[in-house]
Amino acid sequence: MSSTKKLVESIFTEDLNQASENLSESFMEILKQKLVEAKKIVAAKYDVAELSEALKNIEEVEQVDESNVVRMGRLKMIRARIRGGKVQRRVKKSAVPGMRISGGKLVRMSPAEKRKRKLGARRAKIKRRAKLARALIKRRRSLMKRKALGLR
């Protein structure tokens, strides 16, 4: 039975937990298909060297510099940058998995919130890759224009 049929059947039987699981499964299937298509398009447009360099750049951006992370028991203080001796973007985060900070205290995340965060992170990852692909296209165009003008 297909995932859409399962979803409709679980909605009619008012089994909302099962409907939620079926919906997330069908969403993940669609997302995987779209990701495979996007990979094929990007692979057709770029060299392997350009793509590997771009992926390294993404990984470097995602990692927070460990020298800016201060552990304070069950909390982490992230000092993103220092300009003129002042700390900018000072962020407190939870050092305990499955917990978040609310009102200055650690609070357990609900399973729904964990799922939403996980899906949101995946969506953000895909959007970052797409934006990087557009930036690479624009960079390639500008380099081609420079080369045509004899500037490179």
C-alpha atoms as a PDB file:
ATOM      1  CA  MET A   1       0.000   0.000   0.000  1.00  0.00           C
ATOM      2  CA  SER A   2       1.423   3.411  -0.915  1.00  0.00           C
ATOM      3  CA  SER A   3       2.250   5.980   1.744  1.00  0.00           C
ATOM      4  CA  THR A   4      -0.540   8.338   0.614  1.00  0.00           C
ATOM      5  CA  LYS A   5      -3.136   5.578   0.942  1.00  0.00           C
ATOM      6  CA  LYS A   6      -1.804   4.767   4.409  1.00  0.00           C
ATOM      7  CA  LEU A   7      -2.010   8.434   5.332  1.00  0.00           C
ATOM      8  CA  VAL A   8      -5.615   8.817   4.149  1.00  0.00           C
ATOM      9  CA  GLU A   9      -6.632   5.561   5.839  1.00  0.00           C
ATOM     10  CA  SER A  10      -5.068   6.596   9.167  1.00  0.00           C
ATOM     11  CA  ILE A  11      -6.839   9.978   8.982  1.00  0.00           C
ATOM     12  CA  PHE A  12     -10.223   8.321   8.385  1.00  0.00           C
ATOM     13  CA  THR A  13      -9.658   5.923  11.290  1.00  0.00           C
ATOM     14  CA  GLU A  14      -8.670   8.966  13.409  1.00  0.00           C
ATOM     15  CA  ASP A  15      -5.297   7.454  14.289  1.00  0.00           C
ATOM     16  CA  LEU A  16      -3.482  10.800  14.300  1.00  0.00           C
ATOM     17  CA  ASN A  17      -0.162   9.480  15.621  1.00  0.00           C
ATOM     18  CA  GLN A  18       0.019   7.012  12.744  1.00  0.00           C
ATOM     19  CA  ALA A  19      -1.065   9.779  10.330  1.00  0.00           C
ATOM     20  CA  SER A  20       1.750  11.991  11.586  1.00  0.00           C
ATOM     21  CA  GLU A  21       4.292   9.191  11.066  1.00  0.00           C
ATOM     22  CA  ASN A  22       2.942   8.456   7.572  1.00  0.00           C
ATOM     23  CA  LEU A  23       3.057  12.141   6.678  1.00  0.00           C
ATOM     24  CA  SER A  24       6.669  12.480   7.805  1.00  0.00           C
ATOM     25  CA  GLU A  25       7.586   9.300   5.861  1.00  0.00           C
ATOM     26  CA  SER A  26       5.995  10.575   2.652  1.00  0.00           C
ATOM     27  CA  PHE A  27       7.635  13.970   3.171  1.00  0.00           C
ATOM     28  CA  MET A  28      11.028  12.294   3.550  1.00  0.00           C
ATOM     29  CA  GLU A  29      10.476  10.229   0.381  1.00  0.00           C
ATOM     30  CA  ILE A  30       9.620  13.354  -1.628  1.00  0.00           C
ATOM     31  CA  LEU A  31      12.591  15.182  -0.134  1.00  0.00           C
ATOM     32  CA  LYS A  32      14.954  12.330  -1.078  1.00  0.00           C
ATOM     33  CA  GLN A  33      13.673  12.338  -4.661  1.00  0.00           C
ATOM     34  CA  LYS A  34      14.089  16.113  -4.964  1.00  0.00           C
ATOM     35  CA  LEU A  35      17.579  15.916  -3.475  1.00  0.00           C
ATOM     36  CA  VAL A  36      18.622  13.239  -5.979  1.00  0.00           C
ATOM     37  CA  GLU A  37      17.324  15.402  -8.842  1.00  0.00           C
ATOM     38  CA  ALA A  38      19.156  18.454  -7.498  1.00  0.00           C
ATOM     39  CA  LYS A  39      22.388  16.458  -7.170  1.00  0.00           C
ATOM     40  CA  LYS A  40      22.129  15.364 -10.804  1.00  0.00           C
ATOM     41  CA  ILE A  41      21.561  18.945 -11.969  1.00  0.00           C
ATOM     42  CA  VAL A  42      24.485  20.299  -9.939  1.00  0.00           C
ATOM     43  CA  ALA A  43      26.790  17.459 -10.997  1.00  0.00           C
ATOM     44  CA  ALA A  44      25.971  18.173 -14.644  1.00  0.00           C
ATOM     45  CA  LYS A  45      26.853  21.877 -14.263  1.00  0.00           C
ATOM     46  CA  TYR A  46      30.067  21.770 -12.212  1.00  0.00           C
ATOM     47  CA  ASP A  47      33.426  20.051 -11.985  1.00  0.00           C
ATOM     48  CA  VAL A  48      34.057  17.621  -9.178  1.00  0.00           C
ATOM     49  CA  ALA A  49      36.851  19.871  -7.874  1.00  0.00           C
ATOM     50  CA  GLU A  50      34.529  22.886  -7.594  1.00  0.00           C
ATOM     51  CA  LEU A  51      31.899  20.850  -5.763  1.00  0.00           C
ATOM     52  CA  SER A  52      34.366  19.347  -3.287  1.00  0.00           C
ATOM     53  CA  GLU A  53      35.769  22.829  -2.574  1.00  0.00           C
ATOM     54  CA  ALA A  54      32.262  24.207  -2.054  1.00  0.00           C
ATOM     55  CA  LEU A  55      31.355  21.376   0.349  1.00  0.00           C
ATOM     56  CA  LYS A  56      34.513  22.045   2.365  1.00  0.00           C
ATOM     57  CA  ASN A  57      33.518  25.703   2.608  1.00  0.00           C
ATOM     58  CA  ILE A  58      30.034  24.734   3.839  1.00  0.00           C
ATOM     59  CA  GLU A  59      31.494  22.467   6.527  1.00  0.00           C
ATOM     60  CA  GLU A  60      33.832  25.242   7.683  1.00  0.00           C
ATOM     61  CA  VAL A  61      30.938  27.715   7.975  1.00  0.00           C
ATOM     62  CA  GLU A  62      28.769  25.259   9.938  1.00  0.00           C
ATOM     63  CA  GLN A  63      31.418  24.585  12.556  1.00  0.00           C
ATOM     64  CA  VAL A  64      31.629  27.063  15.425  1.00  0.00           C
ATOM     65  CA  ASP A  65      35.166  27.969  16.384  1.00  0.00           C
ATOM     66  CA  GLU A  66      35.872  25.947  19.545  1.00  0.00           C
ATOM     67  CA  SER A  67      37.929  28.792  21.053  1.00  0.00           C
ATOM     68  CA  ASN A  68      34.740  30.878  21.247  1.00  0.00           C
ATOM     69  CA  VAL A  69      32.752  28.231  23.173  1.00  0.00           C
ATOM     70  CA  VAL A  70      32.826  28.429  26.962  1.00  0.00           C
ATOM     71  CA  ARG A  71      31.294  25.537  28.890  1.00  0.00           C
ATOM     72  CA  MET A  72      29.462  26.557  32.043  1.00  0.00           C
ATOM     73  CA  GLY A  73      28.246  23.303  33.569  1.00  0.00           C
ATOM     74  CA  ARG A  74      25.112  22.294  31.657  1.00  0.00           C
ATOM     75  CA  LEU A  75      25.222  25.443  29.483  1.00  0.00           C
ATOM     76  CA  LYS A  76      27.498  26.605  26.676  1.00  0.00           C
ATOM     77  CA  MET A  77      28.258  30.274  26.046  1.00  0.00           C
ATOM     78  CA  ILE A  78      29.085  30.966  22.403  1.00  0.00           C
ATOM     79  CA  ARG A  79      30.927  34.210  21.794  1.00  0.00           C
ATOM     80  CA  ALA A  80      30.621  34.452  18.034  1.00  0.00           C
ATOM     81  CA  ARG A  81      33.031  37.349  17.461  1.00  0.00           C
ATOM     82  CA  ILE A  82      34.911  40.128  19.178  1.00  0.00           C
ATOM     83  CA  ARG A  83      35.075  43.582  17.569  1.00  0.00           C
ATOM     84  CA  GLY A  84      36.963  46.395  19.223  1.00  0.00           C
ATOM     85  CA  GLY A  85      37.216  44.473  22.488  1.00  0.00           C
ATOM     86  CA  LYS A  86      33.433  43.950  22.664  1.00  0.00           C
ATOM     87  CA  VAL A  87      31.745  40.563  22.357  1.00  0.00           C
ATOM     88  CA  GLN A  88      29.013  40.529  19.709  1.00  0.00           C
ATOM     89  CA  ARG A  89      26.328  37.852  19.300  1.00  0.00           C
ATOM     90  CA  ARG A  90      26.752  36.265  22.721  1.00  0.00           C
ATOM     91  CA  VAL A  91      24.514  33.185  22.762  1.00  0.00           C
ATOM     92  CA  LYS A  92      23.710  30.737  25.559  1.00  0.00           C
ATOM     93  CA  LYS A  93      22.943  27.190  24.436  1.00  0.00           C
ATOM     94  CA  SER A  94      22.211  23.940  26.163  1.00  0.00           C
ATOM     95  CA  ALA A  95      25.078  21.485  26.534  1.00  0.00           C
ATOM     96  CA  VAL A  96      22.631  18.687  27.359  1.00  0.00           C
ATOM     97  CA  PRO A  97      21.100  16.840  24.395  1.00  0.00           C
ATOM     98  CA  GLY A  98      17.302  16.993  24.298  1.00  0.00           C
ATOM     99  CA  MET A  99      17.150  20.131  26.437  1.00  0.00           C
ATOM    100  CA  ARG A 100      16.725  23.798  25.491  1.00  0.00           C
ATOM    101  CA  ILE A 101      16.928  27.088  27.326  1.00  0.00           C
ATOM    102  CA  SER A 102      13.647  28.813  28.124  1.00  0.00           C
ATOM    103  CA  GLY A 103      13.541  31.750  30.503  1.00  0.00           C
ATOM    104  CA  GLY A 104      17.158  31.159  31.503  1.00  0.00           C
ATOM    105  CA  LYS A 105      16.454  27.583  32.618  1.00  0.00           C
ATOM    106  CA  LEU A 106      16.968  24.213  30.964  1.00  0.00           C
ATOM    107  CA  VAL A 107      13.707  22.683  29.771  1.00  0.00           C
ATOM    108  CA  ARG A 108      13.159  19.288  28.163  1.00  0.00           C
ATOM    109  CA  MET A 109      12.144  19.430  24.502  1.00  0.00           C
ATOM    110  CA  SER A 110       8.964  17.670  23.481  1.00  0.00           C
ATOM    111  CA  PRO A 111       9.225  14.967  20.799  1.00  0.00           C
ATOM    112  CA  ALA A 112       7.251  17.183  18.411  1.00  0.00           C
ATOM    113  CA  GLU A 113       9.745  20.021  18.902  1.00  0.00           C
ATOM    114  CA  LYS A 114      12.676  17.665  18.313  1.00  0.00           C
ATOM    115  CA  ARG A 115      11.074  16.438  15.088  1.00  0.00           C
ATOM    116  CA  LYS A 116      10.373  19.983  13.896  1.00  0.00           C
ATOM    117  CA  ARG A 117      13.937  21.056  14.642  1.00  0.00           C
ATOM    118  CA  LYS A 118      15.319  18.043  12.804  1.00  0.00           C
ATOM    119  CA  LEU A 119      13.177  18.696   9.721  1.00  0.00           C
ATOM    120  CA  GLY A 120      13.992  22.402   9.883  1.00  0.00           C
ATOM    121  CA  ALA A 121      17.709  21.690  10.041  1.00  0.00           C
ATOM    122  CA  ARG A 122      17.440  19.393   7.028  1.00  0.00           C
ATOM    123  CA  ARG A 123      15.473  22.034   5.098  1.00  0.00           C
ATOM    124  CA  ALA A 124      18.038  24.690   6.031  1.00  0.00           C
ATOM    125  CA  LYS A 125      20.858  22.430   4.842  1.00  0.00           C
ATOM    126  CA  ILE A 126      19.191  22.011   1.467  1.00  0.00           C
ATOM    127  CA  LYS A 127      18.584  25.764   1.177  1.00  0.00           C
ATOM    128  CA  ARG A 128      22.228  26.502   2.051  1.00  0.00           C
ATOM    129  CA  ARG A 129      23.372  24.126  -0.690  1.00  0.00           C
ATOM    130  CA  ALA A 130      21.024  25.723  -3.219  1.00  0.00           C
ATOM    131  CA  LYS A 131      22.229  29.228  -2.329  1.00  0.00           C
ATOM    132  CA  LEU A 132      25.825  28.063  -2.627  1.00  0.00           C
ATOM    133  CA  ALA A 133      25.066  26.633  -6.063  1.00  0.00           C
ATOM    134  CA  ARG A 134      23.644  29.999  -7.166  1.00  0.00           C
ATOM    135  CA  ALA A 135      26.692  31.808  -5.794  1.00  0.00           C
ATOM    136  CA  LEU A 136      28.987  29.451  -7.716  1.00  0.00           C
ATOM    137  CA  ILE A 137      27.037  30.078 -10.926  1.00  0.00           C
ATOM    138  CA  LYS A 138      27.347  33.839 -10.464  1.00  0.00           C
ATOM    139  CA  ARG A 139      31.054  33.556  -9.651  1.00  0.00           C
ATOM    140  CA  ARG A 140      31.632  31.469 -12.751  1.00  0.00           C
ATOM    141  CA  ARG A 141      29.767  34.036 -14.891  1.00  0.00           C
ATOM    142  CA  SER A 142      31.765  36.949 -13.514  1.00  0.00           C
ATOM    143  CA  LEU A 143      35.050  35.092 -14.041  1.00  0.00           C
ATOM    144  CA  MET A 144      34.034  34.336 -17.624  1.00  0.00           C
ATOM    145  CA  LYS A 145      33.225  38.025 -18.196  1.00  0.00           C
ATOM    146  CA  ARG A 146      36.581  39.055 -16.737  1.00  0.00           C
ATOM    147  CA  LYS A 147      38.368  36.540 -18.913  1.00  0.00           C
ATOM    148  CA  ALA A 148      36.510  37.806 -22.008  1.00  0.00           C
ATOM    149  CA  LEU A 149      37.570  41.364 -21.181  1.00  0.00           C
ATOM    150  CA  GLY A 150      41.173  40.245 -20.728  1.00  0.00           C
ATOM    151  CA  LEU A 151      41.267  41.046 -17.015  1.00  0.00           C
ATOM    152  CA  ARG A 152      42.095  37.541 -15.930  1.00  0.00           C
END
